[in-house]
Amino acid sequence: MCNIWRDPQEATLPLEDFKKIIKEAGELWCFFASLSGGESLIIKDILSYVSYAKSHIPYVNLVTNGLLLSQEMAKGLAETGLDTISISIDGLEKTHDTIRGEGSFAKALEAINNIKINAPRIKVIVNTVISQWNIEELIKLADMVESQGVYHKFQPIFDQPYFHGQLSQSEPWKISNSQIEKLKEIVERLKARKNVVNSKY
């Protein structure tokens, strides 16, 4: 989904630079910050980033695929005061694992459970990217997420930036007219769910 892994120039914003940006954002009355990667939990000292963000900005979210969200990480995130965590699940098990790698669906569910048990004050939001690969199972996926007792957010797939010298090309994708019509019906059904956090628009 995210194209950042194709960028041959690996880089993470240094903590000291991050602190300057966050401090300035807080002084400008920034209310919400969302920390993401690539994969945010591979960032060294990610807990320091989150803690500093929370000390200057009232509402902080972190985005992850859940692979590294162990019980210990969940406890660490709880101590930072993090408000919400977005865990990516892009389909039922077979679809999600095809997109994100074998075993990643089970790890995402384990991550949700680790937060619920070890960091119950952090709200969990499952983030689903709508694509040609999962349209047919969105309602079943929404049922599964609702059964977990967590929130659900949807976003459309979109073209990713091309990096100079990137490692590989983006996967081709295309939504047919019939899928768009089906999606309109699905969106109406999803809007009625209380755990879906997208705006009505």
C-alpha atoms as a PDB file:
ATOM      1  CA  MET A   1       0.000   0.000   0.000  1.00  0.00           C
ATOM      2  CA  CYS A   2       2.532   2.590   1.126  1.00  0.00           C
ATOM      3  CA  ASN A   3       5.270   3.043  -1.452  1.00  0.00           C
ATOM      4  CA  ILE A   4       8.006   4.203   0.923  1.00  0.00           C
ATOM      5  CA  TRP A   5       9.748   0.815   1.005  1.00  0.00           C
ATOM      6  CA  ARG A   6      10.593   1.274  -2.691  1.00  0.00           C
ATOM      7  CA  ASP A   7      12.622   4.409  -1.957  1.00  0.00           C
ATOM      8  CA  PRO A   8      16.315   3.409  -2.170  1.00  0.00           C
ATOM      9  CA  GLN A   9      17.263   6.319   0.121  1.00  0.00           C
ATOM     10  CA  GLU A  10      16.308   5.063   3.561  1.00  0.00           C
ATOM     11  CA  ALA A  11      15.913   7.874   6.049  1.00  0.00           C
ATOM     12  CA  THR A  12      14.216   8.562   9.367  1.00  0.00           C
ATOM     13  CA  LEU A  13      13.710  12.073  10.686  1.00  0.00           C
ATOM     14  CA  PRO A  14      16.242  12.430  13.540  1.00  0.00           C
ATOM     15  CA  LEU A  15      14.658  12.799  16.978  1.00  0.00           C
ATOM     16  CA  GLU A  16      16.123  16.264  17.568  1.00  0.00           C
ATOM     17  CA  ASP A  17      14.710  17.540  14.243  1.00  0.00           C
ATOM     18  CA  PHE A  18      11.389  15.901  15.075  1.00  0.00           C
ATOM     19  CA  LYS A  19      11.311  17.681  18.435  1.00  0.00           C
ATOM     20  CA  LYS A  20      11.830  21.079  16.800  1.00  0.00           C
ATOM     21  CA  ILE A  21       8.976  20.461  14.356  1.00  0.00           C
ATOM     22  CA  ILE A  22       6.613  19.157  17.040  1.00  0.00           C
ATOM     23  CA  LYS A  23       7.407  22.043  19.405  1.00  0.00           C
ATOM     24  CA  GLU A  24       6.683  24.578  16.661  1.00  0.00           C
ATOM     25  CA  ALA A  25       3.491  22.749  15.678  1.00  0.00           C
ATOM     26  CA  GLY A  26       2.324  22.773  19.290  1.00  0.00           C
ATOM     27  CA  GLU A  27       3.033  26.507  19.575  1.00  0.00           C
ATOM     28  CA  LEU A  28       0.844  27.009  16.493  1.00  0.00           C
ATOM     29  CA  TRP A  29      -2.017  25.217  18.314  1.00  0.00           C
ATOM     30  CA  CYS A  30      -1.755  21.999  16.305  1.00  0.00           C
ATOM     31  CA  PHE A  31      -4.292  19.628  17.855  1.00  0.00           C
ATOM     32  CA  PHE A  32      -3.625  16.318  16.060  1.00  0.00           C
ATOM     33  CA  ALA A  33      -0.495  14.500  14.915  1.00  0.00           C
ATOM     34  CA  SER A  34      -0.294  11.108  13.213  1.00  0.00           C
ATOM     35  CA  LEU A  35       3.058   9.313  13.199  1.00  0.00           C
ATOM     36  CA  SER A  36       3.722   6.860  10.402  1.00  0.00           C
ATOM     37  CA  GLY A  37       6.460   5.427   8.218  1.00  0.00           C
ATOM     38  CA  GLY A  38       6.634   3.158   6.214  1.00  0.00           C
ATOM     39  CA  GLU A  39       6.392   1.153   9.389  1.00  0.00           C
ATOM     40  CA  SER A  40       6.626   3.377  12.444  1.00  0.00           C
ATOM     41  CA  LEU A  41       7.595   0.654  14.929  1.00  0.00           C
ATOM     42  CA  ILE A  42      10.927  -0.043  13.217  1.00  0.00           C
ATOM     43  CA  ILE A  43      12.044   3.482  14.139  1.00  0.00           C
ATOM     44  CA  LYS A  44      14.658   3.370  16.872  1.00  0.00           C
ATOM     45  CA  ASP A  45      13.358   5.047  20.043  1.00  0.00           C
ATOM     46  CA  ILE A  46       9.839   5.359  18.620  1.00  0.00           C
ATOM     47  CA  LEU A  47       8.543   5.654  22.184  1.00  0.00           C
ATOM     48  CA  SER A  48      10.600   8.819  22.616  1.00  0.00           C
ATOM     49  CA  TYR A  49       9.038  10.272  19.468  1.00  0.00           C
ATOM     50  CA  VAL A  50       5.522   9.480  20.689  1.00  0.00           C
ATOM     51  CA  SER A  51       6.168  10.763  24.227  1.00  0.00           C
ATOM     52  CA  TYR A  52       7.550  14.052  22.929  1.00  0.00           C
ATOM     53  CA  ALA A  53       4.638  14.489  20.531  1.00  0.00           C
ATOM     54  CA  LYS A  54       2.176  13.910  23.390  1.00  0.00           C
ATOM     55  CA  SER A  55       3.953  16.511  25.529  1.00  0.00           C
ATOM     56  CA  HIS A  56       3.195  19.227  22.947  1.00  0.00           C
ATOM     57  CA  ILE A  57       0.144  18.083  20.969  1.00  0.00           C
ATOM     58  CA  PRO A  58      -3.149  17.041  22.611  1.00  0.00           C
ATOM     59  CA  TYR A  59      -4.084  14.140  20.318  1.00  0.00           C
ATOM     60  CA  VAL A  60      -1.536  11.733  18.840  1.00  0.00           C
ATOM     61  CA  ASN A  61      -2.096   8.713  16.592  1.00  0.00           C
ATOM     62  CA  LEU A  62       0.422   6.100  15.461  1.00  0.00           C
ATOM     63  CA  VAL A  63       0.100   3.966  12.299  1.00  0.00           C
ATOM     64  CA  THR A  64       1.470   0.409  12.182  1.00  0.00           C
ATOM     65  CA  ASN A  65       1.034  -2.901  10.378  1.00  0.00           C
ATOM     66  CA  GLY A  66       1.106  -4.588  13.795  1.00  0.00           C
ATOM     67  CA  LEU A  67       3.963  -6.991  13.085  1.00  0.00           C
ATOM     68  CA  LEU A  68       6.125  -5.562  15.883  1.00  0.00           C
ATOM     69  CA  LEU A  69       3.344  -4.665  18.301  1.00  0.00           C
ATOM     70  CA  SER A  70       4.282  -7.056  21.098  1.00  0.00           C
ATOM     71  CA  GLN A  71       2.938  -6.985  24.652  1.00  0.00           C
ATOM     72  CA  GLU A  72       6.051  -5.059  25.705  1.00  0.00           C
ATOM     73  CA  MET A  73       5.590  -2.479  22.938  1.00  0.00           C
ATOM     74  CA  ALA A  74       1.926  -2.081  23.876  1.00  0.00           C
ATOM     75  CA  LYS A  75       2.927  -1.401  27.490  1.00  0.00           C
ATOM     76  CA  GLY A  76       5.530   1.106  26.314  1.00  0.00           C
ATOM     77  CA  LEU A  77       2.992   2.890  24.129  1.00  0.00           C
ATOM     78  CA  ALA A  78       0.578   3.028  27.067  1.00  0.00           C
ATOM     79  CA  GLU A  79       3.187   4.906  29.078  1.00  0.00           C
ATOM     80  CA  THR A  80       3.580   7.536  26.329  1.00  0.00           C
ATOM     81  CA  GLY A  81      -0.067   8.602  26.604  1.00  0.00           C
ATOM     82  CA  LEU A  82      -0.770   7.749  22.945  1.00  0.00           C
ATOM     83  CA  ASP A  83      -4.444   8.370  22.112  1.00  0.00           C
ATOM     84  CA  THR A  84      -5.114   6.107  19.124  1.00  0.00           C
ATOM     85  CA  ILE A  85      -3.295   3.455  17.151  1.00  0.00           C
ATOM     86  CA  SER A  86      -4.176   2.641  13.541  1.00  0.00           C
ATOM     87  CA  ILE A  87      -3.514  -0.993  12.631  1.00  0.00           C
ATOM     88  CA  SER A  88      -3.641  -1.857   8.924  1.00  0.00           C
ATOM     89  CA  ILE A  89      -5.881  -4.739   7.857  1.00  0.00           C
ATOM     90  CA  ASP A  90      -6.658  -4.751   4.142  1.00  0.00           C
ATOM     91  CA  GLY A  91      -8.878  -7.807   3.801  1.00  0.00           C
ATOM     92  CA  LEU A  92      -9.790 -11.131   5.297  1.00  0.00           C
ATOM     93  CA  GLU A  93      -6.884 -13.450   6.087  1.00  0.00           C
ATOM     94  CA  LYS A  94      -6.072 -14.758   2.597  1.00  0.00           C
ATOM     95  CA  THR A  95      -6.387 -11.335   0.937  1.00  0.00           C
ATOM     96  CA  HIS A  96      -4.495  -9.475   3.649  1.00  0.00           C
ATOM     97  CA  ASP A  97      -1.662 -12.017   3.645  1.00  0.00           C
ATOM     98  CA  THR A  98      -1.458 -11.831  -0.168  1.00  0.00           C
ATOM     99  CA  ILE A  99      -1.075  -8.051   0.045  1.00  0.00           C
ATOM    100  CA  ARG A 100       1.149  -7.790   3.133  1.00  0.00           C
ATOM    101  CA  GLY A 101       2.858 -11.152   3.561  1.00  0.00           C
ATOM    102  CA  GLU A 102       2.060 -14.566   4.980  1.00  0.00           C
ATOM    103  CA  GLY A 103       1.070 -14.503   8.637  1.00  0.00           C
ATOM    104  CA  SER A 104       0.541 -10.737   8.724  1.00  0.00           C
ATOM    105  CA  PHE A 105      -3.227 -11.049   9.303  1.00  0.00           C
ATOM    106  CA  ALA A 106      -2.717 -13.137  12.440  1.00  0.00           C
ATOM    107  CA  LYS A 107      -0.060 -10.689  13.660  1.00  0.00           C
ATOM    108  CA  ALA A 108      -2.431  -7.746  13.141  1.00  0.00           C
ATOM    109  CA  LEU A 109      -5.114  -9.458  15.232  1.00  0.00           C
ATOM    110  CA  GLU A 110      -2.498 -10.263  17.875  1.00  0.00           C
ATOM    111  CA  ALA A 111      -1.498  -6.577  17.881  1.00  0.00           C
ATOM    112  CA  ILE A 112      -5.102  -5.523  18.492  1.00  0.00           C
ATOM    113  CA  ASN A 113      -5.306  -7.944  21.402  1.00  0.00           C
ATOM    114  CA  ASN A 114      -1.994  -6.739  22.834  1.00  0.00           C
ATOM    115  CA  ILE A 115      -3.272  -3.155  22.891  1.00  0.00           C
ATOM    116  CA  LYS A 116      -6.647  -4.122  24.373  1.00  0.00           C
ATOM    117  CA  ILE A 117      -4.968  -6.048  27.210  1.00  0.00           C
ATOM    118  CA  ASN A 118      -1.828  -3.995  27.882  1.00  0.00           C
ATOM    119  CA  ALA A 119      -2.875  -0.482  26.841  1.00  0.00           C
ATOM    120  CA  PRO A 120      -6.671  -0.317  27.225  1.00  0.00           C
ATOM    121  CA  ARG A 121      -6.760   3.499  27.206  1.00  0.00           C
ATOM    122  CA  ILE A 122      -5.431   3.570  23.635  1.00  0.00           C
ATOM    123  CA  LYS A 123      -8.261   3.426  21.109  1.00  0.00           C
ATOM    124  CA  VAL A 124      -7.658   0.942  18.287  1.00  0.00           C
ATOM    125  CA  ILE A 125      -8.643   1.900  14.744  1.00  0.00           C
ATOM    126  CA  VAL A 126      -8.331  -0.725  12.018  1.00  0.00           C
ATOM    127  CA  ASN A 127      -7.355   1.041   8.805  1.00  0.00           C
ATOM    128  CA  THR A 128      -8.477  -0.574   5.539  1.00  0.00           C
ATOM    129  CA  VAL A 129      -7.396   0.580   2.088  1.00  0.00           C
ATOM    130  CA  ILE A 130     -10.188  -0.102  -0.408  1.00  0.00           C
ATOM    131  CA  SER A 131      -8.820  -1.676  -3.565  1.00  0.00           C
ATOM    132  CA  GLN A 132      -9.744  -3.999  -6.399  1.00  0.00           C
ATOM    133  CA  TRP A 133      -8.528  -6.901  -4.257  1.00  0.00           C
ATOM    134  CA  ASN A 134     -10.894  -6.522  -1.302  1.00  0.00           C
ATOM    135  CA  ILE A 135     -14.155  -4.927  -2.508  1.00  0.00           C
ATOM    136  CA  GLU A 136     -16.007  -8.248  -2.470  1.00  0.00           C
ATOM    137  CA  GLU A 137     -15.210  -8.891   1.202  1.00  0.00           C
ATOM    138  CA  LEU A 138     -15.465  -5.426   2.774  1.00  0.00           C
ATOM    139  CA  ILE A 139     -18.704  -6.176   4.616  1.00  0.00           C
ATOM    140  CA  LYS A 140     -17.362  -9.448   6.047  1.00  0.00           C
ATOM    141  CA  LEU A 141     -14.184  -7.632   7.042  1.00  0.00           C
ATOM    142  CA  ALA A 142     -16.256  -4.898   8.705  1.00  0.00           C
ATOM    143  CA  ASP A 143     -18.175  -7.610  10.604  1.00  0.00           C
ATOM    144  CA  MET A 144     -14.892  -9.114  11.808  1.00  0.00           C
ATOM    145  CA  VAL A 145     -13.514  -5.742  12.937  1.00  0.00           C
ATOM    146  CA  GLU A 146     -16.753  -4.888  14.718  1.00  0.00           C
ATOM    147  CA  SER A 147     -16.593  -8.236  16.540  1.00  0.00           C
ATOM    148  CA  GLN A 148     -13.166  -7.198  17.864  1.00  0.00           C
ATOM    149  CA  GLY A 149     -14.801  -4.211  19.580  1.00  0.00           C
ATOM    150  CA  VAL A 150     -12.579  -1.638  17.849  1.00  0.00           C
ATOM    151  CA  TYR A 151     -13.052   1.242  15.425  1.00  0.00           C
ATOM    152  CA  HIS A 152     -12.752   0.969  11.637  1.00  0.00           C
ATOM    153  CA  LYS A 153     -11.604   3.512   9.052  1.00  0.00           C
ATOM    154  CA  PHE A 154     -11.548   3.178   5.259  1.00  0.00           C
ATOM    155  CA  GLN A 155      -9.555   4.994   2.605  1.00  0.00           C
ATOM    156  CA  PRO A 156      -9.289   4.571  -1.157  1.00  0.00           C
ATOM    157  CA  ILE A 157      -6.187   3.291  -2.870  1.00  0.00           C
ATOM    158  CA  PHE A 158      -4.333   5.984  -4.805  1.00  0.00           C
ATOM    159  CA  ASP A 159      -1.270   6.392  -6.960  1.00  0.00           C
ATOM    160  CA  GLN A 160       1.930   6.433  -4.940  1.00  0.00           C
ATOM    161  CA  PRO A 161       4.874   8.736  -5.698  1.00  0.00           C
ATOM    162  CA  TYR A 162       7.666   7.401  -7.860  1.00  0.00           C
ATOM    163  CA  PHE A 163      11.109   7.535  -6.259  1.00  0.00           C
ATOM    164  CA  HIS A 164      14.204   8.059  -8.397  1.00  0.00           C
ATOM    165  CA  GLY A 165      15.907   4.662  -8.638  1.00  0.00           C
ATOM    166  CA  GLN A 166      13.126   2.919  -6.719  1.00  0.00           C
ATOM    167  CA  LEU A 167      13.543  -0.789  -6.098  1.00  0.00           C
ATOM    168  CA  SER A 168      10.518  -1.959  -8.119  1.00  0.00           C
ATOM    169  CA  GLN A 169       7.438  -0.657  -9.902  1.00  0.00           C
ATOM    170  CA  SER A 170       4.090  -0.177  -8.172  1.00  0.00           C
ATOM    171  CA  GLU A 171       1.489  -2.895  -8.675  1.00  0.00           C
ATOM    172  CA  PRO A 172      -1.089  -2.053 -11.339  1.00  0.00           C
ATOM    173  CA  TRP A 173      -4.610  -1.498 -10.063  1.00  0.00           C
ATOM    174  CA  LYS A 174      -7.916  -0.629 -11.628  1.00  0.00           C
ATOM    175  CA  ILE A 175     -11.483  -0.411 -10.372  1.00  0.00           C
ATOM    176  CA  SER A 176     -14.220  -1.369 -12.860  1.00  0.00           C
ATOM    177  CA  ASN A 177     -17.517   0.513 -13.234  1.00  0.00           C
ATOM    178  CA  SER A 178     -19.415  -2.458 -11.789  1.00  0.00           C
ATOM    179  CA  GLN A 179     -17.126  -2.438  -8.748  1.00  0.00           C
ATOM    180  CA  ILE A 180     -17.771   1.291  -8.279  1.00  0.00           C
ATOM    181  CA  GLU A 181     -21.534   0.673  -8.288  1.00  0.00           C
ATOM    182  CA  LYS A 182     -21.107  -2.131  -5.754  1.00  0.00           C
ATOM    183  CA  LEU A 183     -18.863   0.108  -3.662  1.00  0.00           C
ATOM    184  CA  LYS A 184     -21.580   2.781  -3.494  1.00  0.00           C
ATOM    185  CA  GLU A 185     -23.903   0.211  -1.908  1.00  0.00           C
ATOM    186  CA  ILE A 186     -21.171  -0.951   0.482  1.00  0.00           C
ATOM    187  CA  VAL A 187     -20.427   2.632   1.577  1.00  0.00           C
ATOM    188  CA  GLU A 188     -24.091   3.196   2.444  1.00  0.00           C
ATOM    189  CA  ARG A 189     -24.049   0.089   4.623  1.00  0.00           C
ATOM    190  CA  LEU A 190     -20.775   1.072   6.294  1.00  0.00           C
ATOM    191  CA  LYS A 191     -22.029   4.582   7.103  1.00  0.00           C
ATOM    192  CA  ALA A 192     -24.688   3.019   9.342  1.00  0.00           C
ATOM    193  CA  ARG A 193     -22.101   1.295  11.552  1.00  0.00           C
ATOM    194  CA  LYS A 194     -21.303   2.968  14.857  1.00  0.00           C
ATOM    195  CA  ASN A 195     -17.662   1.849  14.904  1.00  0.00           C
ATOM    196  CA  VAL A 196     -16.825   3.371  11.481  1.00  0.00           C
ATOM    197  CA  VAL A 197     -14.973   6.640  12.115  1.00  0.00           C
ATOM    198  CA  ASN A 198     -14.942   8.094   8.592  1.00  0.00           C
ATOM    199  CA  SER A 199     -16.959  11.262   8.169  1.00  0.00           C
ATOM    200  CA  LYS A 200     -20.294  10.877   6.370  1.00  0.00           C
ATOM    201  CA  TYR A 201     -18.738  12.709   3.421  1.00  0.00           C
END
